[in-house]
């Protein structure tokens, strides 16, 4: 921790260890009831939840002896600077997801958040069923299915419900692909 005589780190890039400490500490803090209440109270006071989660990150940076503005700016560079460190990038995306969940929980309230988590789990189960079913097909068929899925998601502005194809839709894609009358665009 920086003291009055120790300047805060404000240049270069955060190390892997510093980033992992931030991610772990943030995850721990945002799971605490008093921090959840702090974020929810801010939302009730018409503040942005993300402003509170950013403030929490800044507090962690100060604990670490890092200038908060510098630390926040480094977060925007993680994927570029550490592009070859797959594990760190995965941890970074988990950190982002944790922040989004903390904001969602504060904005939706406990019941709304629980409902969203249930719906998210059901969606993931359907996606897994679809992927398991797709694996029964030849690689070329899987490519055609994924292309159709991509088009569907693009047309729906990437709404999560568009990330699923039914078994019937998959069968239709495969049948069209092998039909001599079907000409791909």
C-alpha atoms as a PDB file:
ATOM      1  CA  UNK A   1       0.000   0.000   0.000  1.00  0.00           C
ATOM      2  CA  UNK A   2       1.247   3.474  -0.890  1.00  0.00           C
ATOM      3  CA  UNK A   3       1.974   5.893   1.902  1.00  0.00           C
ATOM      4  CA  UNK A   4       2.293   9.673   1.870  1.00  0.00           C
ATOM      5  CA  UNK A   5       5.972   9.282   0.940  1.00  0.00           C
ATOM      6  CA  UNK A   6       5.491   6.529  -1.638  1.00  0.00           C
ATOM      7  CA  UNK A   7       4.104   7.750  -4.946  1.00  0.00           C
ATOM      8  CA  UNK A   8       1.306   5.791  -6.584  1.00  0.00           C
ATOM      9  CA  UNK A   9       2.190   3.709  -9.633  1.00  0.00           C
ATOM     10  CA  UNK A  10       1.036   5.685 -12.633  1.00  0.00           C
ATOM     11  CA  UNK A  11       2.917   4.501 -15.688  1.00  0.00           C
ATOM     12  CA  UNK A  12       3.779   1.380 -17.613  1.00  0.00           C
ATOM     13  CA  UNK A  13       1.269  -1.445 -17.497  1.00  0.00           C
ATOM     14  CA  UNK A  14      -0.143  -3.436 -14.625  1.00  0.00           C
ATOM     15  CA  UNK A  15       1.575  -6.770 -14.141  1.00  0.00           C
ATOM     16  CA  UNK A  16      -0.207 -10.086 -14.449  1.00  0.00           C
ATOM     17  CA  UNK A  17      -0.034 -10.479 -10.663  1.00  0.00           C
ATOM     18  CA  UNK A  18      -1.521  -7.031 -10.068  1.00  0.00           C
ATOM     19  CA  UNK A  19      -4.384  -7.745 -12.447  1.00  0.00           C
ATOM     20  CA  UNK A  20      -5.114 -11.118 -10.878  1.00  0.00           C
ATOM     21  CA  UNK A  21      -5.115  -9.493  -7.424  1.00  0.00           C
ATOM     22  CA  UNK A  22      -7.585  -6.863  -8.652  1.00  0.00           C
ATOM     23  CA  UNK A  23      -9.848  -9.530 -10.189  1.00  0.00           C
ATOM     24  CA  UNK A  24      -9.833 -11.676  -7.029  1.00  0.00           C
ATOM     25  CA  UNK A  25     -10.336  -8.762  -4.641  1.00  0.00           C
ATOM     26  CA  UNK A  26     -13.161  -7.314  -6.759  1.00  0.00           C
ATOM     27  CA  UNK A  27     -14.886 -10.699  -6.923  1.00  0.00           C
ATOM     28  CA  UNK A  28     -14.602 -11.086  -3.157  1.00  0.00           C
ATOM     29  CA  UNK A  29     -15.863  -7.570  -2.395  1.00  0.00           C
ATOM     30  CA  UNK A  30     -18.824  -7.683  -4.778  1.00  0.00           C
ATOM     31  CA  UNK A  31     -19.984 -10.920  -3.163  1.00  0.00           C
ATOM     32  CA  UNK A  32     -20.213  -9.242   0.269  1.00  0.00           C
ATOM     33  CA  UNK A  33     -23.697  -8.172   1.454  1.00  0.00           C
ATOM     34  CA  UNK A  34     -22.575  -4.665   2.461  1.00  0.00           C
ATOM     35  CA  UNK A  35     -21.036  -4.029  -0.975  1.00  0.00           C
ATOM     36  CA  UNK A  36     -24.121  -5.408  -2.722  1.00  0.00           C
ATOM     37  CA  UNK A  37     -26.200  -3.020  -0.608  1.00  0.00           C
ATOM     38  CA  UNK A  38     -23.887  -0.131  -1.486  1.00  0.00           C
ATOM     39  CA  UNK A  39     -24.412  -0.758  -5.206  1.00  0.00           C
ATOM     40  CA  UNK A  40     -28.186  -1.263  -4.792  1.00  0.00           C
ATOM     41  CA  UNK A  41     -28.512   1.912  -2.692  1.00  0.00           C
ATOM     42  CA  UNK A  42     -26.693   3.877  -5.386  1.00  0.00           C
ATOM     43  CA  UNK A  43     -29.121   2.561  -8.001  1.00  0.00           C
ATOM     44  CA  UNK A  44     -32.062   3.582  -5.782  1.00  0.00           C
ATOM     45  CA  UNK A  45     -30.491   7.059  -5.620  1.00  0.00           C
ATOM     46  CA  UNK A  46     -30.551   7.147  -9.452  1.00  0.00           C
ATOM     47  CA  UNK A  47     -26.813   6.582  -9.804  1.00  0.00           C
ATOM     48  CA  UNK A  48     -25.341   4.240 -12.381  1.00  0.00           C
ATOM     49  CA  UNK A  49     -24.385   0.885 -10.862  1.00  0.00           C
ATOM     50  CA  UNK A  50     -21.255   0.820 -13.006  1.00  0.00           C
ATOM     51  CA  UNK A  51     -20.126   4.093 -11.392  1.00  0.00           C
ATOM     52  CA  UNK A  52     -20.120   2.320  -8.030  1.00  0.00           C
ATOM     53  CA  UNK A  53     -18.330  -0.771  -9.325  1.00  0.00           C
ATOM     54  CA  UNK A  54     -15.731   1.513 -10.920  1.00  0.00           C
ATOM     55  CA  UNK A  55     -15.330   3.321  -7.598  1.00  0.00           C
ATOM     56  CA  UNK A  56     -14.776  -0.064  -5.912  1.00  0.00           C
ATOM     57  CA  UNK A  57     -12.084  -0.876  -8.475  1.00  0.00           C
ATOM     58  CA  UNK A  58     -10.464   2.507  -7.813  1.00  0.00           C
ATOM     59  CA  UNK A  59     -10.454   1.778  -4.066  1.00  0.00           C
ATOM     60  CA  UNK A  60      -8.727  -1.552  -4.742  1.00  0.00           C
ATOM     61  CA  UNK A  61      -6.127   0.206  -6.890  1.00  0.00           C
ATOM     62  CA  UNK A  62      -5.432   2.634  -4.043  1.00  0.00           C
ATOM     63  CA  UNK A  63      -5.020  -0.324  -1.647  1.00  0.00           C
ATOM     64  CA  UNK A  64      -2.485  -1.710  -4.119  1.00  0.00           C
ATOM     65  CA  UNK A  65      -0.562   1.576  -4.398  1.00  0.00           C
ATOM     66  CA  UNK A  66      -1.747   2.242  -7.938  1.00  0.00           C
ATOM     67  CA  UNK A  67      -3.147   5.527  -9.213  1.00  0.00           C
ATOM     68  CA  UNK A  68      -6.838   4.716  -9.809  1.00  0.00           C
ATOM     69  CA  UNK A  69      -7.080   6.566 -13.147  1.00  0.00           C
ATOM     70  CA  UNK A  70      -3.976   4.757 -14.365  1.00  0.00           C
ATOM     71  CA  UNK A  71      -5.347   1.393 -13.172  1.00  0.00           C
ATOM     72  CA  UNK A  72      -8.668   1.913 -14.928  1.00  0.00           C
ATOM     73  CA  UNK A  73      -6.868   2.937 -18.120  1.00  0.00           C
ATOM     74  CA  UNK A  74      -4.788  -0.273 -17.948  1.00  0.00           C
ATOM     75  CA  UNK A  75      -7.978  -2.355 -17.881  1.00  0.00           C
ATOM     76  CA  UNK A  76      -8.765  -1.066 -21.361  1.00  0.00           C
ATOM     77  CA  UNK A  77      -5.456  -2.493 -22.610  1.00  0.00           C
ATOM     78  CA  UNK A  78      -5.524  -5.948 -21.016  1.00  0.00           C
ATOM     79  CA  UNK A  79      -6.642  -7.846 -24.127  1.00  0.00           C
ATOM     80  CA  UNK A  80      -4.044  -6.098 -26.292  1.00  0.00           C
ATOM     81  CA  UNK A  81      -1.053  -6.233 -23.954  1.00  0.00           C
ATOM     82  CA  UNK A  82      -1.764  -9.759 -22.728  1.00  0.00           C
ATOM     83  CA  UNK A  83      -3.246 -11.188 -25.946  1.00  0.00           C
ATOM     84  CA  UNK A  84      -0.913 -14.206 -25.759  1.00  0.00           C
ATOM     85  CA  UNK A  85      -1.819 -14.977 -22.121  1.00  0.00           C
ATOM     86  CA  UNK A  86      -5.043 -16.891 -22.623  1.00  0.00           C
ATOM     87  CA  UNK A  87      -5.542 -17.628 -18.928  1.00  0.00           C
ATOM     88  CA  UNK A  88      -5.227 -13.962 -17.964  1.00  0.00           C
ATOM     89  CA  UNK A  89      -7.606 -12.880 -20.727  1.00  0.00           C
ATOM     90  CA  UNK A  90     -10.128 -15.483 -19.518  1.00  0.00           C
ATOM     91  CA  UNK A  91      -9.777 -14.152 -15.964  1.00  0.00           C
ATOM     92  CA  UNK A  92     -10.282 -10.628 -17.329  1.00  0.00           C
ATOM     93  CA  UNK A  93     -13.528 -11.633 -19.039  1.00  0.00           C
ATOM     94  CA  UNK A  94     -14.683 -13.316 -15.818  1.00  0.00           C
ATOM     95  CA  UNK A  95     -13.919 -10.046 -14.031  1.00  0.00           C
ATOM     96  CA  UNK A  96     -16.034  -8.131 -16.564  1.00  0.00           C
ATOM     97  CA  UNK A  97     -18.854 -10.674 -16.195  1.00  0.00           C
ATOM     98  CA  UNK A  98     -18.672 -10.347 -12.404  1.00  0.00           C
ATOM     99  CA  UNK A  99     -19.011  -6.579 -12.718  1.00  0.00           C
ATOM    100  CA  UNK A 100     -22.001  -6.952 -15.044  1.00  0.00           C
ATOM    101  CA  UNK A 101     -23.623  -9.404 -12.630  1.00  0.00           C
ATOM    102  CA  UNK A 102     -23.102  -7.050  -9.683  1.00  0.00           C
ATOM    103  CA  UNK A 103     -24.720  -4.226 -11.668  1.00  0.00           C
ATOM    104  CA  UNK A 104     -27.593  -6.439 -12.854  1.00  0.00           C
ATOM    105  CA  UNK A 105     -28.276  -7.668  -9.335  1.00  0.00           C
ATOM    106  CA  UNK A 106     -28.417  -4.081  -8.035  1.00  0.00           C
ATOM    107  CA  UNK A 107     -30.640  -2.899 -10.890  1.00  0.00           C
ATOM    108  CA  UNK A 108     -33.028  -5.880 -10.968  1.00  0.00           C
ATOM    109  CA  UNK A 109     -33.295  -6.571  -7.256  1.00  0.00           C
ATOM    110  CA  UNK A 110     -32.960 -10.054  -5.739  1.00  0.00           C
ATOM    111  CA  UNK A 111     -36.103 -11.529  -7.324  1.00  0.00           C
ATOM    112  CA  UNK A 112     -35.518 -10.097 -10.791  1.00  0.00           C
ATOM    113  CA  UNK A 113     -31.885 -11.147 -10.696  1.00  0.00           C
ATOM    114  CA  UNK A 114     -32.769 -14.695  -9.594  1.00  0.00           C
ATOM    115  CA  UNK A 115     -35.289 -14.922 -12.439  1.00  0.00           C
ATOM    116  CA  UNK A 116     -32.692 -13.717 -14.934  1.00  0.00           C
ATOM    117  CA  UNK A 117     -30.182 -16.303 -13.683  1.00  0.00           C
ATOM    118  CA  UNK A 118     -32.773 -19.083 -14.055  1.00  0.00           C
ATOM    119  CA  UNK A 119     -33.593 -17.930 -17.591  1.00  0.00           C
ATOM    120  CA  UNK A 120     -29.883 -17.725 -18.406  1.00  0.00           C
ATOM    121  CA  UNK A 121     -29.344 -21.274 -17.145  1.00  0.00           C
ATOM    122  CA  UNK A 122     -32.259 -22.572 -19.238  1.00  0.00           C
ATOM    123  CA  UNK A 123     -30.849 -20.832 -22.297  1.00  0.00           C
ATOM    124  CA  UNK A 124     -27.423 -22.369 -21.703  1.00  0.00           C
ATOM    125  CA  UNK A 125     -28.983 -25.811 -21.328  1.00  0.00           C
ATOM    126  CA  UNK A 126     -30.776 -25.372 -24.680  1.00  0.00           C
ATOM    127  CA  UNK A 127     -27.537 -24.206 -26.287  1.00  0.00           C
ATOM    128  CA  UNK A 128     -25.729 -27.268 -24.943  1.00  0.00           C
ATOM    129  CA  UNK A 129     -28.472 -29.570 -26.270  1.00  0.00           C
ATOM    130  CA  UNK A 130     -28.193 -27.889 -29.678  1.00  0.00           C
ATOM    131  CA  UNK A 131     -24.398 -28.231 -29.748  1.00  0.00           C
ATOM    132  CA  UNK A 132     -24.582 -31.861 -28.646  1.00  0.00           C
ATOM    133  CA  UNK A 133     -27.105 -32.563 -31.414  1.00  0.00           C
ATOM    134  CA  UNK A 134     -24.959 -30.718 -33.971  1.00  0.00           C
ATOM    135  CA  UNK A 135     -21.950 -32.926 -33.188  1.00  0.00           C
ATOM    136  CA  UNK A 136     -23.811 -35.857 -34.763  1.00  0.00           C
ATOM    137  CA  UNK A 137     -23.409 -34.239 -38.171  1.00  0.00           C
ATOM    138  CA  UNK A 138     -20.458 -34.124 -40.539  1.00  0.00           C
ATOM    139  CA  UNK A 139     -18.053 -31.184 -40.218  1.00  0.00           C
ATOM    140  CA  UNK A 140     -19.376 -29.537 -43.417  1.00  0.00           C
ATOM    141  CA  UNK A 141     -22.917 -29.768 -42.085  1.00  0.00           C
ATOM    142  CA  UNK A 142     -21.805 -28.297 -38.767  1.00  0.00           C
ATOM    143  CA  UNK A 143     -20.251 -25.375 -40.642  1.00  0.00           C
ATOM    144  CA  UNK A 144     -23.511 -24.771 -42.510  1.00  0.00           C
ATOM    145  CA  UNK A 145     -25.469 -24.928 -39.241  1.00  0.00           C
ATOM    146  CA  UNK A 146     -23.115 -22.463 -37.551  1.00  0.00           C
ATOM    147  CA  UNK A 147     -23.332 -20.117 -40.534  1.00  0.00           C
ATOM    148  CA  UNK A 148     -27.145 -20.174 -40.324  1.00  0.00           C
ATOM    149  CA  UNK A 149     -26.940 -19.595 -36.564  1.00  0.00           C
ATOM    150  CA  UNK A 150     -24.620 -16.627 -37.137  1.00  0.00           C
ATOM    151  CA  UNK A 151     -27.054 -15.128 -39.670  1.00  0.00           C
ATOM    152  CA  UNK A 152     -29.952 -15.647 -37.268  1.00  0.00           C
ATOM    153  CA  UNK A 153     -28.086 -13.946 -34.427  1.00  0.00           C
ATOM    154  CA  UNK A 154     -26.966 -11.080 -36.645  1.00  0.00           C
ATOM    155  CA  UNK A 155     -30.540 -10.513 -37.857  1.00  0.00           C
ATOM    156  CA  UNK A 156     -31.771 -10.441 -34.248  1.00  0.00           C
ATOM    157  CA  UNK A 157     -29.067  -7.981 -33.107  1.00  0.00           C
ATOM    158  CA  UNK A 158     -27.442 -10.767 -31.069  1.00  0.00           C
ATOM    159  CA  UNK A 159     -30.369 -11.245 -28.702  1.00  0.00           C
ATOM    160  CA  UNK A 160     -29.612 -14.327 -26.625  1.00  0.00           C
ATOM    161  CA  UNK A 161     -32.798 -16.140 -27.708  1.00  0.00           C
ATOM    162  CA  UNK A 162     -31.476 -16.094 -31.287  1.00  0.00           C
ATOM    163  CA  UNK A 163     -28.521 -18.272 -30.245  1.00  0.00           C
ATOM    164  CA  UNK A 164     -30.548 -21.469 -30.529  1.00  0.00           C
ATOM    165  CA  UNK A 165     -31.693 -23.579 -33.449  1.00  0.00           C
ATOM    166  CA  UNK A 166     -34.212 -26.353 -32.942  1.00  0.00           C
ATOM    167  CA  UNK A 167     -33.523 -29.903 -34.073  1.00  0.00           C
ATOM    168  CA  UNK A 168     -36.059 -29.342 -36.870  1.00  0.00           C
ATOM    169  CA  UNK A 169     -34.240 -26.203 -38.032  1.00  0.00           C
ATOM    170  CA  UNK A 170     -30.920 -28.052 -37.984  1.00  0.00           C
ATOM    171  CA  UNK A 171     -32.416 -30.935 -40.001  1.00  0.00           C
ATOM    172  CA  UNK A 172     -33.762 -28.448 -42.539  1.00  0.00           C
ATOM    173  CA  UNK A 173     -30.353 -26.769 -42.906  1.00  0.00           C
ATOM    174  CA  UNK A 174     -28.623 -30.110 -43.458  1.00  0.00           C
ATOM    175  CA  UNK A 175     -31.278 -31.300 -45.935  1.00  0.00           C
ATOM    176  CA  UNK A 176     -31.099 -28.054 -47.907  1.00  0.00           C
ATOM    177  CA  UNK A 177     -27.323 -28.247 -47.986  1.00  0.00           C
ATOM    178  CA  UNK A 178     -27.355 -31.675 -49.647  1.00  0.00           C
ATOM    179  CA  UNK A 179     -30.295 -30.948 -51.944  1.00  0.00           C
ATOM    180  CA  UNK A 180     -29.210 -30.291 -55.561  1.00  0.00           C
ATOM    181  CA  UNK A 181     -31.905 -27.589 -55.779  1.00  0.00           C
ATOM    182  CA  UNK A 182     -30.383 -25.575 -52.954  1.00  0.00           C
ATOM    183  CA  UNK A 183     -27.726 -23.108 -54.010  1.00  0.00           C
ATOM    184  CA  UNK A 184     -25.920 -21.384 -51.136  1.00  0.00           C
ATOM    185  CA  UNK A 185     -25.607 -17.617 -51.408  1.00  0.00           C
END
